Amino acid sequence: MKITYDDQDDILHIEFSKEPIIKDVSHGWNVNIGFGTKGIVEITILEAKAGGYWPLENAKELLLLAA
């Protein structure tokens, strides 16, 4: 797993694998989940700090959002 945060643009990107993405699903305007054949490949959240997703003190909420 790789977690990156762009402070300038307030974008949180969580990569679970390098598997190719075969399907993207948006949850609201700011959360995008990329799926591969084996499940979730990555999650991208726009305005992550503004939305309370960064820092990852509330990681449980993020995982529930992805489920």
N, C-alpha and C. Protein backbone atom coordinates (compact mmCIF):
# COMPACT_ATOMS: atom_id res chain seq x y z
N MET A 1 0.85 -1.17 0.00
CA MET A 1 0.00 0.00 0.00
C MET A 1 0.90 1.23 0.00
N LYS A 2 0.46 2.26 -0.74
CA LYS A 2 1.18 3.52 -0.81
C LYS A 2 0.18 4.65 -0.63
N ILE A 3 0.48 5.55 0.33
CA ILE A 3 -0.39 6.70 0.59
C ILE A 3 0.40 7.96 0.28
N THR A 4 -0.19 8.81 -0.57
CA THR A 4 0.44 10.10 -0.87
C THR A 4 -0.60 11.20 -0.68
N TYR A 5 -0.09 12.35 -0.25
CA TYR A 5 -0.96 13.50 -0.05
C TYR A 5 -0.31 14.71 -0.68
N ASP A 6 -1.04 15.40 -1.53
CA ASP A 6 -0.58 16.63 -2.17
C ASP A 6 -1.16 17.79 -1.39
N ASP A 7 -0.31 18.43 -0.58
CA ASP A 7 -0.77 19.52 0.29
C ASP A 7 -1.24 20.73 -0.50
N GLN A 8 -0.59 21.01 -1.60
CA GLN A 8 -0.95 22.18 -2.41
C GLN A 8 -2.34 22.05 -3.01
N ASP A 9 -2.68 20.86 -3.53
CA ASP A 9 -3.98 20.65 -4.16
C ASP A 9 -4.99 19.96 -3.25
N ASP A 10 -4.55 19.56 -2.04
CA ASP A 10 -5.42 18.87 -1.06
C ASP A 10 -6.02 17.60 -1.65
N ILE A 11 -5.13 16.75 -2.21
CA ILE A 11 -5.56 15.48 -2.81
C ILE A 11 -4.88 14.32 -2.08
N LEU A 12 -5.68 13.38 -1.61
CA LEU A 12 -5.18 12.17 -0.97
C LEU A 12 -5.32 11.02 -1.95
N HIS A 13 -4.25 10.26 -2.12
CA HIS A 13 -4.26 9.12 -3.05
C HIS A 13 -3.75 7.91 -2.28
N ILE A 14 -4.57 6.86 -2.24
CA ILE A 14 -4.21 5.61 -1.57
C ILE A 14 -4.18 4.52 -2.63
N GLU A 15 -3.01 3.92 -2.80
CA GLU A 15 -2.84 2.86 -3.81
C GLU A 15 -2.65 1.53 -3.08
N PHE A 16 -3.50 0.58 -3.39
CA PHE A 16 -3.44 -0.73 -2.75
C PHE A 16 -2.64 -1.74 -3.57
N SER A 17 -2.62 -1.57 -4.88
CA SER A 17 -1.86 -2.47 -5.75
C SER A 17 -1.54 -1.77 -7.07
N LYS A 18 -0.68 -2.38 -7.84
CA LYS A 18 -0.30 -1.86 -9.16
C LYS A 18 -1.16 -2.48 -10.26
N GLU A 19 -2.15 -3.25 -9.87
CA GLU A 19 -3.05 -3.91 -10.84
C GLU A 19 -3.73 -2.86 -11.73
N PRO A 20 -3.92 -3.16 -12.99
CA PRO A 20 -4.62 -2.22 -13.88
C PRO A 20 -6.06 -1.97 -13.43
N ILE A 21 -6.50 -0.74 -13.56
CA ILE A 21 -7.86 -0.36 -13.19
C ILE A 21 -8.79 -0.70 -14.36
N ILE A 22 -9.85 -1.43 -14.06
CA ILE A 22 -10.81 -1.80 -15.11
C ILE A 22 -12.14 -1.07 -14.95
N LYS A 23 -12.34 -0.45 -13.77
CA LYS A 23 -13.59 0.25 -13.52
C LYS A 23 -13.36 1.34 -12.49
N ASP A 24 -13.88 2.54 -12.76
CA ASP A 24 -13.84 3.65 -11.81
C ASP A 24 -15.25 3.94 -11.32
N VAL A 25 -15.39 4.16 -10.03
CA VAL A 25 -16.68 4.50 -9.45
C VAL A 25 -16.51 5.75 -8.61
N SER A 26 -17.36 6.74 -8.83
CA SER A 26 -17.33 7.97 -8.05
C SER A 26 -18.36 7.88 -6.93
N HIS A 27 -17.94 8.32 -5.76
CA HIS A 27 -18.83 8.41 -4.60
C HIS A 27 -18.88 9.89 -4.24
N GLY A 28 -19.87 10.57 -4.75
CA GLY A 28 -19.92 12.00 -4.60
C GLY A 28 -18.98 12.65 -5.61
N TRP A 29 -18.78 13.94 -5.49
CA TRP A 29 -17.96 14.65 -6.45
C TRP A 29 -16.46 14.54 -6.15
N ASN A 30 -16.10 14.14 -4.90
CA ASN A 30 -14.69 14.20 -4.54
C ASN A 30 -14.01 12.88 -4.24
N VAL A 31 -14.71 11.77 -4.31
CA VAL A 31 -14.11 10.47 -4.02
C VAL A 31 -14.24 9.57 -5.24
N ASN A 32 -13.10 9.03 -5.67
CA ASN A 32 -13.09 8.13 -6.81
C ASN A 32 -12.38 6.84 -6.39
N ILE A 33 -13.00 5.71 -6.71
CA ILE A 33 -12.43 4.41 -6.37
C ILE A 33 -12.18 3.64 -7.66
N GLY A 34 -10.94 3.20 -7.82
CA GLY A 34 -10.55 2.41 -8.99
C GLY A 34 -10.51 0.94 -8.63
N PHE A 35 -11.21 0.13 -9.41
CA PHE A 35 -11.28 -1.31 -9.17
C PHE A 35 -10.49 -2.07 -10.23
N GLY A 36 -9.88 -3.16 -9.82
CA GLY A 36 -9.24 -4.11 -10.71
C GLY A 36 -10.01 -5.42 -10.64
N THR A 37 -9.47 -6.46 -11.22
CA THR A 37 -10.16 -7.76 -11.20
C THR A 37 -10.21 -8.38 -9.81
N LYS A 38 -9.30 -7.96 -8.91
CA LYS A 38 -9.24 -8.56 -7.57
C LYS A 38 -9.81 -7.66 -6.48
N GLY A 39 -10.36 -6.49 -6.85
CA GLY A 39 -10.93 -5.60 -5.84
C GLY A 39 -10.44 -4.18 -6.02
N ILE A 40 -10.42 -3.43 -4.92
CA ILE A 40 -10.03 -2.02 -4.96
C ILE A 40 -8.54 -1.89 -5.23
N VAL A 41 -8.19 -1.08 -6.21
CA VAL A 41 -6.81 -0.81 -6.58
C VAL A 41 -6.35 0.51 -5.97
N GLU A 42 -7.22 1.54 -6.03
CA GLU A 42 -6.83 2.85 -5.51
C GLU A 42 -8.05 3.67 -5.12
N ILE A 43 -7.81 4.62 -4.22
CA ILE A 43 -8.83 5.59 -3.83
C ILE A 43 -8.20 6.96 -3.95
N THR A 44 -8.91 7.89 -4.59
CA THR A 44 -8.46 9.27 -4.70
C THR A 44 -9.53 10.16 -4.11
N ILE A 45 -9.10 11.07 -3.21
CA ILE A 45 -10.03 11.97 -2.56
C ILE A 45 -9.58 13.41 -2.79
N LEU A 46 -10.45 14.19 -3.41
CA LEU A 46 -10.20 15.61 -3.62
C LEU A 46 -10.65 16.37 -2.38
N GLU A 47 -9.97 17.47 -2.08
CA GLU A 47 -10.24 18.26 -0.88
C GLU A 47 -10.26 17.38 0.36
N ALA A 48 -9.22 16.55 0.48
CA ALA A 48 -9.15 15.56 1.56
C ALA A 48 -9.08 16.19 2.95
N LYS A 49 -8.23 17.18 3.13
CA LYS A 49 -8.11 17.81 4.45
C LYS A 49 -9.38 18.58 4.77
N ALA A 50 -9.90 19.29 3.80
CA ALA A 50 -11.13 20.06 3.99
C ALA A 50 -12.30 19.15 4.34
N GLY A 51 -12.30 17.92 3.80
CA GLY A 51 -13.37 16.98 4.06
C GLY A 51 -13.15 16.11 5.29
N GLY A 52 -12.01 16.29 5.97
CA GLY A 52 -11.74 15.51 7.18
C GLY A 52 -11.10 14.16 6.94
N TYR A 53 -10.60 13.91 5.73
CA TYR A 53 -9.97 12.62 5.43
C TYR A 53 -8.46 12.64 5.62
N TRP A 54 -7.89 13.80 5.88
CA TRP A 54 -6.46 13.91 6.10
C TRP A 54 -6.21 14.85 7.25
N PRO A 55 -5.39 14.51 8.21
CA PRO A 55 -4.61 13.28 8.30
C PRO A 55 -5.49 12.07 8.57
N LEU A 56 -4.94 10.90 8.39
CA LEU A 56 -5.72 9.67 8.44
C LEU A 56 -6.06 9.22 9.86
N GLU A 57 -6.43 10.14 10.70
CA GLU A 57 -6.88 9.79 12.05
C GLU A 57 -8.22 9.08 12.01
N ASN A 58 -8.97 9.30 10.94
CA ASN A 58 -10.29 8.68 10.78
C ASN A 58 -10.26 7.64 9.66
N ALA A 59 -9.25 6.80 9.64
CA ALA A 59 -9.09 5.80 8.58
C ALA A 59 -10.27 4.82 8.53
N LYS A 60 -10.89 4.54 9.66
CA LYS A 60 -12.03 3.63 9.68
C LYS A 60 -13.17 4.17 8.82
N GLU A 61 -13.42 5.48 8.88
CA GLU A 61 -14.47 6.09 8.06
C GLU A 61 -14.13 5.98 6.57
N LEU A 62 -12.87 6.15 6.23
CA LEU A 62 -12.45 6.04 4.84
C LEU A 62 -12.66 4.62 4.31
N LEU A 63 -12.34 3.63 5.13
CA LEU A 63 -12.53 2.25 4.70
C LEU A 63 -14.01 1.91 4.56
N LEU A 64 -14.86 2.46 5.43
CA LEU A 64 -16.30 2.25 5.30
C LEU A 64 -16.83 2.88 4.03
N LEU A 65 -16.28 4.04 3.66
CA LEU A 65 -16.69 4.71 2.43
C LEU A 65 -16.36 3.85 1.21
N ALA A 66 -15.23 3.16 1.26
CA ALA A 66 -14.79 2.34 0.13
C ALA A 66 -15.57 1.04 0.02
N ALA A 67 -16.20 0.62 1.10
CA ALA A 67 -16.91 -0.68 1.10
C ALA A 67 -18.19 -0.63 0.32
